[in-house]
N, C-alpha and C. Protein backbone atom coordinates (compact mmCIF):
# COMPACT_ATOMS: atom_id res chain seq x y z
N UNK A 1 11.25 -11.49 -1.00
CA UNK A 1 12.54 -11.12 0.09
C UNK A 1 13.60 -10.23 -0.36
N UNK A 2 13.91 -9.24 0.27
CA UNK A 2 14.73 -8.45 -0.13
C UNK A 2 16.32 -8.74 0.57
N UNK A 3 17.04 -8.54 -0.54
CA UNK A 3 18.71 -8.82 -0.12
C UNK A 3 18.99 -7.68 0.11
N UNK A 4 19.76 -7.73 1.13
CA UNK A 4 20.69 -6.67 2.11
C UNK A 4 19.42 -5.56 2.63
N UNK A 5 18.55 -6.39 3.36
CA UNK A 5 17.23 -5.64 3.97
C UNK A 5 17.66 -5.06 4.96
N UNK A 6 18.58 -5.54 5.91
CA UNK A 6 19.14 -4.79 6.98
C UNK A 6 19.82 -3.64 6.76
N UNK A 7 20.77 -3.54 5.74
CA UNK A 7 21.53 -2.48 5.23
C UNK A 7 20.25 -1.53 4.54
N UNK A 8 19.50 -1.73 4.03
CA UNK A 8 18.48 -0.99 3.43
C UNK A 8 17.75 -0.19 4.46
N UNK A 9 17.14 -1.01 5.50
CA UNK A 9 16.46 -0.13 6.58
C UNK A 9 17.45 0.72 7.35
N UNK A 10 18.77 0.44 7.37
CA UNK A 10 19.66 1.39 8.23
C UNK A 10 19.92 2.72 6.66
N UNK A 11 19.84 2.19 5.79
CA UNK A 11 20.04 3.03 4.54
C UNK A 11 18.86 4.32 4.57
N UNK A 12 17.73 3.93 4.59
CA UNK A 12 16.56 4.77 4.76
C UNK A 12 16.37 5.46 6.00
N UNK A 13 16.74 5.18 7.10
CA UNK A 13 16.42 5.96 8.44
C UNK A 13 17.80 6.74 8.42
N UNK A 14 19.09 6.57 7.70
CA UNK A 14 20.20 7.53 7.47
C UNK A 14 19.60 8.66 6.68
N UNK A 15 18.96 8.29 5.76
CA UNK A 15 18.39 9.45 4.56
C UNK A 15 17.17 10.26 5.52
N UNK A 16 16.62 10.01 6.76
CA UNK A 16 15.49 10.43 7.17
C UNK A 16 14.50 10.01 6.88
N UNK A 17 14.06 9.17 6.44
CA UNK A 17 12.64 8.39 5.71
C UNK A 17 12.20 8.10 7.38
N UNK A 18 10.99 8.60 7.64
CA UNK A 18 10.08 8.57 9.05
C UNK A 18 10.58 9.39 10.01
N UNK A 19 11.59 10.52 9.75
CA UNK A 19 12.09 11.15 10.74
C UNK A 19 10.81 12.05 11.41
N UNK A 20 9.87 12.44 10.64
CA UNK A 20 8.85 13.12 10.76
C UNK A 20 7.55 12.34 11.56
N UNK A 21 7.78 11.25 11.53
CA UNK A 21 6.51 10.02 11.64
C UNK A 21 5.81 10.35 13.15
N UNK A 22 4.76 10.22 13.35
CA UNK A 22 4.24 10.79 14.73
C UNK A 22 3.77 9.05 15.30
N UNK A 23 3.38 8.58 14.39
CA UNK A 23 2.37 6.99 14.65
C UNK A 23 3.37 5.79 13.67
N UNK A 24 2.94 5.92 12.41
CA UNK A 24 3.31 4.73 11.67
C UNK A 24 4.71 5.16 11.37
N UNK A 25 5.36 3.88 11.00
CA UNK A 25 7.03 4.04 10.90
C UNK A 25 7.00 3.80 9.20
N UNK A 26 7.73 4.97 8.77
CA UNK A 26 8.06 4.81 7.15
C UNK A 26 8.88 3.72 7.29
N UNK A 27 9.99 3.46 7.63
CA UNK A 27 10.88 3.00 7.35
C UNK A 27 10.56 1.28 7.18
N UNK A 28 9.92 0.95 8.02
CA UNK A 28 9.04 -0.18 8.27
C UNK A 28 7.84 -0.60 7.04
N UNK A 29 7.22 0.70 6.71
CA UNK A 29 6.65 0.84 5.54
C UNK A 29 7.33 0.55 3.97
N UNK A 30 8.61 1.17 4.07
CA UNK A 30 9.42 0.94 2.63
C UNK A 30 9.54 -0.71 2.84
N UNK A 31 10.10 -1.16 3.72
CA UNK A 31 10.71 -2.40 3.72
C UNK A 31 9.16 -3.69 3.13
N UNK A 32 8.21 -3.00 3.89
CA UNK A 32 7.24 -3.81 3.39
C UNK A 32 6.61 -3.29 2.16
N UNK A 33 6.69 -2.23 1.50
CA UNK A 33 6.51 -2.12 0.01
C UNK A 33 7.46 -3.20 -0.86
N UNK A 34 8.85 -3.19 -0.44
CA UNK A 34 9.61 -4.05 -1.32
C UNK A 34 9.26 -5.53 -1.17
N UNK A 35 8.91 -5.72 -0.01
CA UNK A 35 8.29 -7.16 0.02
C UNK A 35 7.24 -7.40 -0.95
N UNK A 36 6.23 -6.51 -0.94
CA UNK A 36 5.12 -6.85 -1.75
C UNK A 36 5.52 -6.76 -2.89
N UNK A 37 6.35 -5.97 -3.30
CA UNK A 37 6.87 -5.75 -4.88
C UNK A 37 7.36 -7.08 -5.22
N UNK A 38 8.20 -7.53 -4.31
CA UNK A 38 9.18 -8.55 -4.41
C UNK A 38 8.06 -10.01 -4.81
N UNK A 39 7.14 -10.06 -4.25
CA UNK A 39 5.69 -11.11 -4.30
C UNK A 39 5.37 -10.82 -5.45
N UNK A 40 4.82 -9.81 -5.98
CA UNK A 40 3.97 -9.44 -7.27
C UNK A 40 5.07 -9.72 -8.47
N UNK A 41 5.89 -9.50 -8.19
CA UNK A 41 7.05 -9.81 -9.70
C UNK A 41 7.66 -11.27 -9.57
N UNK A 42 7.41 -12.09 -8.17
CA UNK A 42 8.07 -13.07 -8.25
C UNK A 42 9.58 -13.40 -8.07
N UNK A 43 10.09 -12.39 -7.63
CA UNK A 43 11.45 -12.20 -7.55
C UNK A 43 12.22 -11.55 -6.40
N UNK A 44 13.00 -12.12 -5.67
CA UNK A 44 13.75 -11.08 -4.56
C UNK A 44 13.99 -9.82 -5.10
N UNK A 45 14.21 -8.94 -4.27
CA UNK A 45 14.60 -7.66 -4.59
C UNK A 45 16.25 -7.66 -4.40
N UNK A 46 16.77 -7.32 -5.22
CA UNK A 46 18.47 -7.51 -5.36
C UNK A 46 19.09 -6.31 -6.25
N UNK A 47 20.11 -6.31 -6.24
CA UNK A 47 20.71 -5.41 -7.01
C UNK A 47 21.03 -6.11 -8.47
N UNK A 48 20.78 -7.08 -8.68
CA UNK A 48 20.78 -7.84 -9.77
C UNK A 48 19.70 -7.11 -10.72
N UNK A 49 18.08 -7.02 -10.13
CA UNK A 49 17.38 -6.54 -10.88
C UNK A 49 17.09 -4.96 -10.41
N UNK A 50 17.35 -4.49 -9.25
CA UNK A 50 17.19 -3.05 -9.06
C UNK A 50 18.01 -2.32 -8.88
N UNK A 51 18.80 -1.73 -9.76
CA UNK A 51 19.77 -0.79 -9.27
C UNK A 51 19.98 0.30 -10.08
N UNK A 52 19.02 0.93 -11.14
CA UNK A 52 18.99 1.90 -12.05
C UNK A 52 17.40 2.52 -11.73
N UNK A 53 17.32 3.57 -11.82
CA UNK A 53 15.82 4.08 -12.01
C UNK A 53 15.05 3.72 -13.20
N UNK A 54 15.77 3.45 -14.36
CA UNK A 54 15.00 2.63 -15.24
C UNK A 54 14.44 1.28 -15.15
N UNK A 55 15.10 0.65 -14.16
CA UNK A 55 14.64 -0.72 -13.80
C UNK A 55 13.24 -0.47 -12.75
N UNK A 56 13.55 0.51 -11.88
CA UNK A 56 12.14 1.23 -11.17
C UNK A 56 11.07 1.20 -12.12
N UNK A 57 11.15 2.15 -12.98
CA UNK A 57 10.13 2.74 -13.99
C UNK A 57 9.51 0.76 -14.46
N UNK A 58 10.53 -0.11 -14.94
CA UNK A 58 10.20 -1.20 -15.68
C UNK A 58 9.38 -1.95 -14.73
N UNK A 59 9.66 -2.21 -13.38
CA UNK A 59 8.93 -2.98 -12.32
C UNK A 59 7.62 -2.22 -12.17
N UNK A 60 7.62 -1.00 -12.45
CA UNK A 60 6.48 -0.15 -11.97
C UNK A 60 5.30 -0.60 -13.04
N UNK A 61 5.70 -0.58 -14.18
CA UNK A 61 5.22 -0.62 -15.18
C UNK A 61 4.25 -2.19 -15.26
N UNK A 62 5.40 -3.06 -14.79
CA UNK A 62 5.10 -4.58 -14.71
C UNK A 62 3.83 -5.01 -13.73
N UNK A 63 4.06 -4.11 -12.49
CA UNK A 63 2.78 -4.21 -11.49
C UNK A 63 1.55 -3.34 -11.92
N UNK A 64 1.63 -2.31 -12.61
CA UNK A 64 0.75 -1.48 -12.94
C UNK A 64 -0.75 -2.42 -13.15
N UNK A 65 -1.58 -1.81 -12.26
CA UNK A 65 -2.92 -2.55 -12.54
C UNK A 65 -3.27 -3.24 -11.55
N UNK A 66 -1.93 -4.03 -10.58
CA UNK A 66 -2.23 -4.87 -9.75
C UNK A 66 -2.37 -4.17 -8.12
N UNK A 67 -2.17 -2.82 -8.40
CA UNK A 67 -2.42 -2.17 -6.96
C UNK A 67 -2.88 -0.67 -7.54
N UNK A 68 -3.33 0.15 -6.93
CA UNK A 68 -3.93 1.36 -6.88
C UNK A 68 -3.10 2.37 -6.91
N UNK A 69 -2.97 3.29 -8.10
CA UNK A 69 -1.72 4.17 -8.67
C UNK A 69 -0.95 4.61 -7.62
N UNK A 70 -1.61 5.46 -6.31
CA UNK A 70 -1.02 5.99 -5.44
C UNK A 70 -0.22 4.67 -4.35
N UNK A 71 -0.39 3.70 -4.59
CA UNK A 71 0.07 2.55 -3.95
C UNK A 71 1.65 2.30 -4.74
N UNK A 72 1.36 2.27 -5.93
CA UNK A 72 2.44 2.25 -6.85
C UNK A 72 3.89 3.17 -6.87
N UNK A 73 2.89 4.53 -6.61
CA UNK A 73 3.78 5.92 -6.31
C UNK A 73 4.67 5.25 -4.91
N UNK A 74 4.03 4.91 -4.11
CA UNK A 74 4.73 4.39 -2.77
C UNK A 74 5.86 3.43 -3.24
N UNK A 75 5.25 2.52 -3.74
CA UNK A 75 6.51 0.98 -3.80
C UNK A 75 7.45 1.95 -4.96
N UNK A 76 7.24 2.69 -5.58
CA UNK A 76 8.52 3.47 -6.51
C UNK A 76 9.22 4.09 -5.69
N UNK A 77 9.20 5.17 -4.58
CA UNK A 77 9.83 5.63 -3.49
C UNK A 77 10.76 4.74 -2.97
N UNK A 78 10.07 3.44 -2.35
CA UNK A 78 10.79 2.49 -1.70
C UNK A 78 11.99 1.93 -2.92
N UNK A 79 11.60 1.44 -3.83
CA UNK A 79 12.64 1.18 -4.84
C UNK A 79 13.52 2.13 -5.07
N UNK A 80 13.33 3.23 -5.13
CA UNK A 80 14.35 4.60 -5.78
C UNK A 80 15.54 4.54 -4.51
N UNK A 81 14.56 4.33 -3.23
CA UNK A 81 15.73 4.26 -2.15
C UNK A 81 16.83 3.05 -2.12
N UNK A 82 16.33 2.10 -2.79
CA UNK A 82 17.14 0.86 -2.78
C UNK A 82 18.06 0.94 -3.76
N UNK A 83 17.48 1.50 -5.02
CA UNK A 83 18.69 1.86 -6.36
C UNK A 83 19.75 2.94 -5.62
N UNK A 84 19.00 4.12 -4.77
CA UNK A 84 20.44 5.05 -4.15
C UNK A 84 21.14 4.15 -3.38
N UNK A 85 20.66 3.13 -2.65
CA UNK A 85 21.93 2.34 -1.67
C UNK A 85 22.69 1.70 -2.52
N UNK A 86 21.97 0.92 -3.69
CA UNK A 86 22.89 -0.05 -4.40
C UNK A 86 23.95 0.85 -5.19
N UNK A 87 23.64 2.15 -5.88
CA UNK A 87 24.52 2.87 -6.52
C UNK A 87 25.43 3.47 -5.65
N UNK A 88 25.37 3.87 -4.54
CA UNK A 88 26.43 4.62 -3.35
C UNK A 88 27.15 3.35 -3.07
N UNK A 89 26.71 2.22 -2.81
CA UNK A 89 27.76 0.93 -2.20
C UNK A 89 28.60 0.58 -3.60
N UNK A 90 28.06 0.82 -4.63
CA UNK A 90 28.99 0.49 -5.91
C UNK A 90 30.01 1.50 -6.18
N UNK A 91 29.85 2.72 -5.88
CA UNK A 91 30.56 3.62 -5.90
C UNK A 91 31.57 3.34 -4.91
N UNK A 92 31.35 2.63 -3.73
CA UNK A 92 32.56 2.82 -2.60
C UNK A 92 33.62 1.75 -2.64
N UNK A 93 32.93 0.77 -3.90
CA UNK A 93 33.83 -0.51 -3.99
C UNK A 93 34.97 -0.13 -5.05
């Protein structure tokens, strides 16, 4: 599960993720990637576990070997967008 999923979806669209897609929807893929990461680590994706790039790397190391390296790279891209959203929100408060 992704905490703040609707905000994340709006965030990645605002950042242009998927703006050049012809068929597949990258924003939907990013949400799917984070849900898969959540399943693999057995925890919700939330600011408490994913708010820094270091945490992105730690989670990527934790799930390494569970999926192909290219897939892990996709997961990291989605996680980095979540981190950017969380950090932007923290700066607004």
